[in-house]
N, C-alpha and C. Protein backbone atom coordinates (compact mmCIF):
# COMPACT_ATOMS: atom_id res chain seq x y z
N MET A 1 3.07 -50.09 -31.52
CA MET A 1 1.73 -50.05 -30.99
C MET A 1 1.21 -48.62 -30.95
N GLY A 2 2.09 -47.64 -30.92
CA GLY A 2 1.69 -46.25 -30.92
C GLY A 2 0.87 -45.87 -32.14
N LYS A 3 1.25 -46.39 -33.29
CA LYS A 3 0.52 -46.12 -34.53
C LYS A 3 -0.90 -46.69 -34.45
N ALA A 4 -1.01 -47.90 -33.91
CA ALA A 4 -2.33 -48.51 -33.78
C ALA A 4 -3.22 -47.68 -32.87
N LEU A 5 -2.65 -47.13 -31.79
CA LEU A 5 -3.43 -46.29 -30.88
C LEU A 5 -3.85 -44.99 -31.56
N GLU A 6 -3.00 -44.49 -32.45
CA GLU A 6 -3.36 -43.28 -33.19
C GLU A 6 -4.55 -43.56 -34.12
N ILE A 7 -4.54 -44.71 -34.75
CA ILE A 7 -5.60 -45.06 -35.69
C ILE A 7 -6.91 -45.34 -34.97
N ASN A 8 -6.84 -46.04 -33.86
CA ASN A 8 -8.06 -46.42 -33.14
C ASN A 8 -7.87 -46.21 -31.64
N PRO A 9 -7.93 -44.96 -31.17
CA PRO A 9 -7.68 -44.68 -29.76
C PRO A 9 -8.79 -45.14 -28.82
N HIS A 10 -9.91 -45.60 -29.37
CA HIS A 10 -11.04 -46.01 -28.55
C HIS A 10 -11.16 -47.53 -28.42
N TYR A 11 -10.08 -48.23 -28.70
CA TYR A 11 -10.05 -49.68 -28.62
C TYR A 11 -9.34 -50.07 -27.33
N ALA A 12 -10.11 -50.47 -26.32
CA ALA A 12 -9.56 -50.74 -24.99
C ALA A 12 -8.44 -51.77 -25.01
N ASP A 13 -8.58 -52.80 -25.85
CA ASP A 13 -7.57 -53.86 -25.86
C ASP A 13 -6.20 -53.35 -26.31
N LEU A 14 -6.15 -52.37 -27.18
CA LEU A 14 -4.85 -51.82 -27.58
C LEU A 14 -4.17 -51.14 -26.39
N HIS A 15 -4.93 -50.40 -25.62
CA HIS A 15 -4.37 -49.75 -24.43
C HIS A 15 -3.88 -50.81 -23.43
N TYR A 16 -4.69 -51.85 -23.27
CA TYR A 16 -4.31 -52.95 -22.38
C TYR A 16 -2.99 -53.60 -22.84
N GLN A 17 -2.89 -53.90 -24.13
CA GLN A 17 -1.68 -54.52 -24.65
C GLN A 17 -0.47 -53.60 -24.52
N TYR A 18 -0.68 -52.31 -24.73
CA TYR A 18 0.40 -51.34 -24.53
C TYR A 18 0.83 -51.35 -23.07
N GLY A 19 -0.14 -51.42 -22.16
CA GLY A 19 0.18 -51.48 -20.73
C GLY A 19 0.98 -52.72 -20.38
N ARG A 20 0.60 -53.85 -20.96
CA ARG A 20 1.36 -55.09 -20.71
C ARG A 20 2.80 -54.95 -21.20
N ALA A 21 2.96 -54.35 -22.38
CA ALA A 21 4.31 -54.17 -22.92
C ALA A 21 5.12 -53.23 -22.05
N ALA A 22 4.51 -52.14 -21.62
CA ALA A 22 5.21 -51.17 -20.77
C ALA A 22 5.57 -51.80 -19.42
N ARG A 23 4.65 -52.57 -18.87
CA ARG A 23 4.90 -53.23 -17.58
C ARG A 23 6.04 -54.24 -17.73
N GLY A 24 6.02 -55.01 -18.82
CA GLY A 24 7.08 -55.97 -19.07
C GLY A 24 8.43 -55.31 -19.27
N GLY A 25 8.41 -54.07 -19.77
CA GLY A 25 9.64 -53.32 -19.98
C GLY A 25 10.07 -52.53 -18.76
N GLY A 26 9.33 -52.66 -17.67
CA GLY A 26 9.72 -51.99 -16.44
C GLY A 26 9.23 -50.56 -16.29
N ASP A 27 8.35 -50.12 -17.17
CA ASP A 27 7.84 -48.75 -17.10
C ASP A 27 6.46 -48.76 -16.44
N ALA A 28 6.46 -48.86 -15.12
CA ALA A 28 5.21 -48.96 -14.37
C ALA A 28 4.29 -47.75 -14.57
N PRO A 29 4.81 -46.50 -14.55
CA PRO A 29 3.90 -45.36 -14.75
C PRO A 29 3.19 -45.40 -16.12
N ALA A 30 3.91 -45.76 -17.16
CA ALA A 30 3.29 -45.85 -18.49
C ALA A 30 2.29 -46.99 -18.53
N ALA A 31 2.63 -48.10 -17.87
CA ALA A 31 1.71 -49.25 -17.83
C ALA A 31 0.42 -48.86 -17.13
N LEU A 32 0.53 -48.22 -15.98
CA LEU A 32 -0.66 -47.82 -15.23
C LEU A 32 -1.51 -46.85 -16.04
N ALA A 33 -0.88 -45.91 -16.70
CA ALA A 33 -1.63 -44.96 -17.53
C ALA A 33 -2.37 -45.68 -18.66
N ALA A 34 -1.73 -46.67 -19.26
CA ALA A 34 -2.37 -47.42 -20.35
C ALA A 34 -3.54 -48.25 -19.82
N PHE A 35 -3.35 -48.90 -18.67
CA PHE A 35 -4.45 -49.68 -18.09
C PHE A 35 -5.62 -48.77 -17.74
N GLN A 36 -5.32 -47.60 -17.22
CA GLN A 36 -6.39 -46.66 -16.87
C GLN A 36 -7.09 -46.14 -18.12
N SER A 37 -6.37 -45.98 -19.21
CA SER A 37 -7.00 -45.60 -20.48
C SER A 37 -7.94 -46.69 -20.95
N ALA A 38 -7.51 -47.94 -20.84
CA ALA A 38 -8.37 -49.06 -21.22
C ALA A 38 -9.63 -49.07 -20.36
N LEU A 39 -9.47 -48.80 -19.07
CA LEU A 39 -10.62 -48.81 -18.16
C LEU A 39 -11.54 -47.62 -18.38
N ALA A 40 -11.00 -46.52 -18.87
CA ALA A 40 -11.86 -45.36 -19.19
C ALA A 40 -12.79 -45.71 -20.36
N ILE A 41 -12.30 -46.55 -21.26
CA ILE A 41 -13.10 -46.99 -22.41
C ILE A 41 -14.06 -48.10 -22.00
N ASN A 42 -13.56 -49.04 -21.21
CA ASN A 42 -14.37 -50.19 -20.77
C ASN A 42 -14.13 -50.43 -19.28
N PRO A 43 -14.94 -49.83 -18.42
CA PRO A 43 -14.75 -49.96 -16.97
C PRO A 43 -14.89 -51.39 -16.44
N ARG A 44 -15.42 -52.28 -17.24
CA ARG A 44 -15.60 -53.67 -16.80
C ARG A 44 -14.52 -54.61 -17.36
N TYR A 45 -13.41 -54.05 -17.77
CA TYR A 45 -12.30 -54.83 -18.36
C TYR A 45 -11.48 -55.42 -17.21
N ALA A 46 -11.85 -56.63 -16.79
CA ALA A 46 -11.26 -57.25 -15.61
C ALA A 46 -9.74 -57.43 -15.73
N LYS A 47 -9.26 -57.82 -16.89
CA LYS A 47 -7.81 -58.01 -17.05
C LYS A 47 -7.06 -56.70 -16.83
N ALA A 48 -7.57 -55.61 -17.40
CA ALA A 48 -6.92 -54.30 -17.23
C ALA A 48 -6.99 -53.87 -15.78
N LEU A 49 -8.10 -54.13 -15.13
CA LEU A 49 -8.26 -53.77 -13.73
C LEU A 49 -7.30 -54.57 -12.85
N PHE A 50 -7.17 -55.86 -13.13
CA PHE A 50 -6.26 -56.71 -12.37
C PHE A 50 -4.81 -56.25 -12.52
N LEU A 51 -4.37 -56.04 -13.76
CA LEU A 51 -2.98 -55.62 -13.95
C LEU A 51 -2.75 -54.20 -13.47
N SER A 52 -3.77 -53.37 -13.51
CA SER A 52 -3.69 -52.05 -12.92
C SER A 52 -3.42 -52.19 -11.42
N GLY A 53 -4.14 -53.10 -10.78
CA GLY A 53 -3.95 -53.33 -9.35
C GLY A 53 -2.56 -53.84 -9.03
N LEU A 54 -2.06 -54.79 -9.80
CA LEU A 54 -0.70 -55.28 -9.56
C LEU A 54 0.33 -54.16 -9.73
N THR A 55 0.12 -53.36 -10.75
CA THR A 55 1.04 -52.25 -11.01
C THR A 55 0.98 -51.23 -9.89
N GLN A 56 -0.22 -50.91 -9.42
CA GLN A 56 -0.36 -49.98 -8.31
C GLN A 56 0.35 -50.52 -7.08
N TYR A 57 0.17 -51.80 -6.81
CA TYR A 57 0.83 -52.43 -5.68
C TYR A 57 2.34 -52.30 -5.79
N GLU A 58 2.86 -52.55 -6.96
CA GLU A 58 4.31 -52.47 -7.19
C GLU A 58 4.82 -51.04 -7.12
N MET A 59 3.92 -50.07 -7.31
CA MET A 59 4.30 -48.65 -7.23
C MET A 59 4.06 -48.08 -5.83
N ASP A 60 4.05 -48.96 -4.83
CA ASP A 60 3.85 -48.57 -3.43
C ASP A 60 2.50 -47.91 -3.19
N GLN A 61 1.48 -48.43 -3.87
CA GLN A 61 0.10 -48.00 -3.64
C GLN A 61 -0.72 -49.25 -3.31
N PRO A 62 -0.37 -49.93 -2.19
CA PRO A 62 -0.99 -51.22 -1.92
C PRO A 62 -2.50 -51.17 -1.71
N GLU A 63 -3.01 -50.11 -1.11
CA GLU A 63 -4.45 -50.03 -0.88
C GLU A 63 -5.21 -49.93 -2.20
N LYS A 64 -4.73 -49.06 -3.08
CA LYS A 64 -5.37 -48.92 -4.39
C LYS A 64 -5.23 -50.21 -5.19
N GLY A 65 -4.05 -50.81 -5.11
CA GLY A 65 -3.81 -52.04 -5.84
C GLY A 65 -4.74 -53.16 -5.40
N LEU A 66 -4.87 -53.33 -4.10
CA LEU A 66 -5.75 -54.37 -3.58
C LEU A 66 -7.21 -54.11 -3.98
N ALA A 67 -7.63 -52.86 -3.90
CA ALA A 67 -9.01 -52.51 -4.29
C ALA A 67 -9.26 -52.84 -5.76
N SER A 68 -8.29 -52.54 -6.62
CA SER A 68 -8.44 -52.83 -8.05
C SER A 68 -8.50 -54.34 -8.30
N ILE A 69 -7.67 -55.09 -7.62
CA ILE A 69 -7.65 -56.54 -7.79
C ILE A 69 -8.98 -57.14 -7.30
N GLN A 70 -9.45 -56.66 -6.16
CA GLN A 70 -10.73 -57.16 -5.64
C GLN A 70 -11.88 -56.82 -6.59
N GLU A 71 -11.84 -55.65 -7.17
CA GLU A 71 -12.89 -55.26 -8.13
C GLU A 71 -12.84 -56.14 -9.38
N ALA A 72 -11.64 -56.45 -9.84
CA ALA A 72 -11.49 -57.32 -11.01
C ALA A 72 -12.10 -58.69 -10.74
N VAL A 73 -11.83 -59.23 -9.56
CA VAL A 73 -12.37 -60.55 -9.21
C VAL A 73 -13.89 -60.48 -9.04
N ALA A 74 -14.39 -59.37 -8.49
CA ALA A 74 -15.83 -59.21 -8.34
C ALA A 74 -16.52 -59.12 -9.70
N LEU A 75 -15.90 -58.46 -10.65
CA LEU A 75 -16.46 -58.35 -12.00
C LEU A 75 -16.48 -59.69 -12.71
N ASP A 76 -15.46 -60.48 -12.48
CA ASP A 76 -15.33 -61.77 -13.17
C ASP A 76 -14.81 -62.80 -12.18
N PRO A 77 -15.71 -63.42 -11.40
CA PRO A 77 -15.27 -64.36 -10.37
C PRO A 77 -14.42 -65.52 -10.90
N GLY A 78 -14.57 -65.86 -12.16
CA GLY A 78 -13.76 -66.93 -12.75
C GLY A 78 -12.46 -66.44 -13.33
N PHE A 79 -12.17 -65.15 -13.12
CA PHE A 79 -10.98 -64.54 -13.71
C PHE A 79 -9.71 -65.20 -13.19
N HIS A 80 -8.79 -65.41 -14.07
CA HIS A 80 -7.45 -65.85 -13.72
C HIS A 80 -6.49 -65.29 -14.75
N THR A 81 -5.25 -65.12 -14.35
CA THR A 81 -4.26 -64.56 -15.26
C THR A 81 -3.65 -65.62 -16.12
């Protein structure tokens, strides 16, 4: 996925997918950084915001995590994982 990010670093979904892979592999800091990169490109990316919140919560940042999750739901009330 690194090569794809090199080719098109402005594609939010690639950052999101990288974050999912990093999170699944147990690398929470890399996952959070990837989700935040996706959100820098598209601040209304509810999925990235939601997983960013879960990751923040798991990294002992419960207030930030909850705020991110609430924002994701506010952006897309029908959102579900």
